[in-house]
Protein backbone atom coordinates (compact mmCIF):
# COMPACT_ATOMS: atom_id res chain seq x y z
CA MET A 1 307.92 67.50 117.06
CA ILE A 2 311.60 66.79 116.62
CA LEU A 3 313.03 63.57 115.22
CA VAL A 4 316.59 62.43 115.88
CA LYS A 5 318.29 59.22 114.77
CA ARG A 6 321.60 57.91 116.15
CA SER A 7 323.54 54.65 115.69
CA THR A 8 326.27 52.70 117.41
CA GLN A 9 327.93 49.31 117.14
CA VAL A 10 328.15 46.99 120.12
CA GLU A 11 330.29 43.94 120.65
CA ALA A 12 327.44 41.62 121.57
CA PRO A 13 325.44 38.99 119.66
CA LEU A 14 322.30 40.19 117.87
CA GLU A 15 320.01 37.78 119.76
CA LYS A 16 321.26 39.02 123.13
CA VAL A 17 320.92 42.67 122.11
CA PHE A 18 317.35 42.11 120.95
CA HIS A 19 316.49 40.23 124.13
CA GLN A 20 317.93 43.03 126.29
CA LEU A 21 315.89 45.64 124.42
CA THR A 22 312.69 43.69 125.14
CA GLN A 23 313.41 44.06 128.87
CA PHE A 24 311.57 47.39 129.01
CA HIS A 25 311.77 47.67 132.80
CA GLU A 26 315.57 47.95 132.40
CA TYR A 27 315.48 50.98 130.06
CA PRO A 28 316.20 53.34 133.00
CA LEU A 29 319.61 51.63 133.25
CA PHE A 30 320.67 53.37 130.05
CA MET A 31 318.08 56.14 129.57
CA THR A 32 319.04 58.39 132.47
CA TRP A 33 316.09 60.73 131.92
CA LEU A 34 313.71 57.81 132.43
CA THR A 35 312.58 57.17 135.99
CA GLU A 36 310.45 54.11 135.30
CA LEU A 37 309.07 52.10 132.39
CA GLN A 38 306.35 49.56 133.00
CA HIS A 39 305.31 47.02 130.40
CA HIS A 40 301.90 45.36 130.27
CA LYS A 41 300.88 43.39 127.17
CA ASP A 42 301.33 45.82 124.26
CA ARG A 43 301.41 48.97 126.44
CA LEU A 44 304.31 50.92 127.91
CA HIS A 45 303.82 53.33 130.81
CA TRP A 46 306.62 55.92 130.90
CA ARG A 47 307.69 58.07 133.84
CA ALA A 48 310.44 60.57 133.07
CA THR A 49 312.03 63.79 134.20
CA LEU A 50 312.86 66.20 131.38
CA ARG A 51 314.03 69.78 131.99
CA ASP A 52 313.38 69.17 135.70
CA THR A 53 309.72 68.49 134.89
CA PRO A 54 308.07 65.14 135.65
CA ARG A 55 306.41 63.66 132.58
CA LEU A 56 304.04 60.69 132.24
CA TRP A 57 302.72 59.11 129.07
CA GLU A 58 301.51 55.83 127.69
CA SER A 59 302.50 54.26 124.41
CA ARG A 60 301.71 51.16 122.43
CA ILE A 61 304.24 48.75 121.00
CA LEU A 62 303.75 49.04 117.25
CA GLN A 63 306.36 46.63 115.97
CA LEU A 64 308.23 43.75 117.44
CA ARG A 65 310.21 41.99 114.76
CA PRO A 66 312.58 39.52 116.45
CA ARG A 67 316.23 40.42 115.99
CA GLN A 68 315.26 43.41 113.79
CA ARG A 69 313.08 46.16 115.25
CA ILE A 70 311.18 47.35 118.30
CA ALA A 71 308.98 50.43 117.82
CA TRP A 72 306.49 52.29 120.00
CA ALA A 73 304.28 55.38 119.74
CA SER A 74 302.28 57.46 122.15
CA LEU A 75 298.60 56.65 122.44
CA ASN A 76 297.64 60.31 122.05
CA GLY A 77 300.06 61.07 119.21
CA ALA A 78 301.45 64.18 120.90
CA ASP A 79 303.93 62.46 123.17
CA PRO A 80 307.19 60.66 122.35
CA ALA A 81 307.63 57.78 119.92
CA GLY A 82 310.72 55.73 119.19
CA ALA A 83 312.38 52.66 117.80
CA PHE A 84 315.43 50.46 118.00
CA GLU A 85 316.55 48.83 114.75
CA LEU A 86 319.16 46.10 114.79
CA GLU A 87 321.57 44.84 112.16
CA ASN A 88 323.81 41.82 112.47
CA LEU A 89 327.39 42.79 111.55
CA GLY A 90 329.00 39.54 112.67
CA PRO A 91 328.77 36.83 115.34
CA PHE A 92 329.55 39.29 118.15
CA LEU A 93 328.88 42.65 116.51
CA THR A 94 325.50 44.38 116.25
CA LYS A 95 324.54 47.79 114.90
CA ILE A 96 321.83 49.58 116.88
CA THR A 97 319.93 52.49 115.33
CA TYR A 98 317.96 54.50 117.88
CA THR A 99 315.22 56.89 116.73
CA LEU A 100 313.16 59.20 118.93
CA THR A 101 310.44 61.72 118.17
CA PHE A 102 309.64 64.17 120.96
CA PRO A 103 307.59 67.35 121.34
CA HIS A 104 310.22 70.09 121.43
CA GLN A 105 308.66 71.54 124.59
CA TYR A 106 310.00 68.55 126.52
CA PHE A 107 313.54 69.86 125.92
CA ALA A 108 313.40 73.58 125.08
CA LYS A 109 311.03 76.44 124.41
CA ARG A 110 312.00 76.65 120.74
CA GLU A 111 312.14 73.70 118.37
CA PHE A 112 315.47 74.95 117.00
CA ASP A 113 317.02 74.69 120.49
CA ALA A 114 315.51 71.30 121.30
CA GLU A 115 317.07 69.15 118.58
CA PRO A 116 320.71 69.39 119.80
CA LEU A 117 319.55 68.68 123.36
CA LEU A 118 317.67 65.55 122.29
CA ALA A 119 320.61 64.44 120.12
CA ALA A 120 323.02 64.85 123.05
CA GLN A 121 320.70 62.88 125.33
CA MET A 122 320.40 60.11 122.76
CA ASN A 123 324.19 59.94 122.36
CA HIS A 124 324.42 59.54 126.14
CA ASP A 125 321.68 56.86 126.11
CA LEU A 126 323.48 54.91 123.38
CA ALA A 127 326.82 55.11 125.20
CA ASN A 128 325.13 53.77 128.35
CA LEU A 129 323.39 51.02 126.37
CA LYS A 130 326.66 50.04 124.66
CA ASN A 131 328.40 49.81 128.05
CA LEU A 132 325.56 47.74 129.51
CA LEU A 133 325.45 45.31 126.59
CA GLU A 134 329.19 44.89 126.27
CA SER A 135 329.71 44.40 130.01
CA ARG A 136 326.96 41.75 130.07
CA ALA A 137 328.43 40.09 126.97
CA ALA A 138 331.91 40.01 128.55
CA GLN A 139 330.54 38.56 131.79
CA LYS A 140 328.03 36.34 129.97
CA VAL A 141 325.38 37.79 132.30
CA TRP A 142 321.99 38.45 130.74
CA ASN A 143 318.63 39.15 132.28
CA SER A 144 316.92 35.79 132.32
CA SER A 145 313.50 36.96 133.44
CA PRO A 146 310.68 35.66 131.27
CA ASN A 147 310.04 37.75 128.21
CA LEU A 148 306.35 38.48 128.55
CA LEU A 149 306.36 40.44 125.32
CA PHE A 150 305.91 37.28 123.28
CA VAL A 151 302.86 36.20 125.28
CA TRP A 152 300.44 38.75 123.84
């Protein structure tokens, strides 16, 4: 397993960033390797393409601390796990720390080769997320669908 952690700052209010990150079905908008993410109660069903190989796995939401942290882990322990941690830096500035743990085989044959590939993908994901959040903040357009996460 490889673990990579990356951070960025976005010009968007903490509450809006947290809300956006609870919209799991929209993760493919910024995680380009992700084909689909379905959310049902405390479960996430992932469909991805990594190294031109389709991958499916299920994870459980482990933590959901409003305006602070969202974390998930695979149900079988051998598949990916991750988290978003948020820090309020000002009224319209939020720090996002993105952590992922993946089996190295999802990215490369050798663990040594996989870490830079995962890090590059995460940098790309964070850049996409930053663009999404800042464009929605500038337009004052946020997904207003009901947040079913708080129902369970």
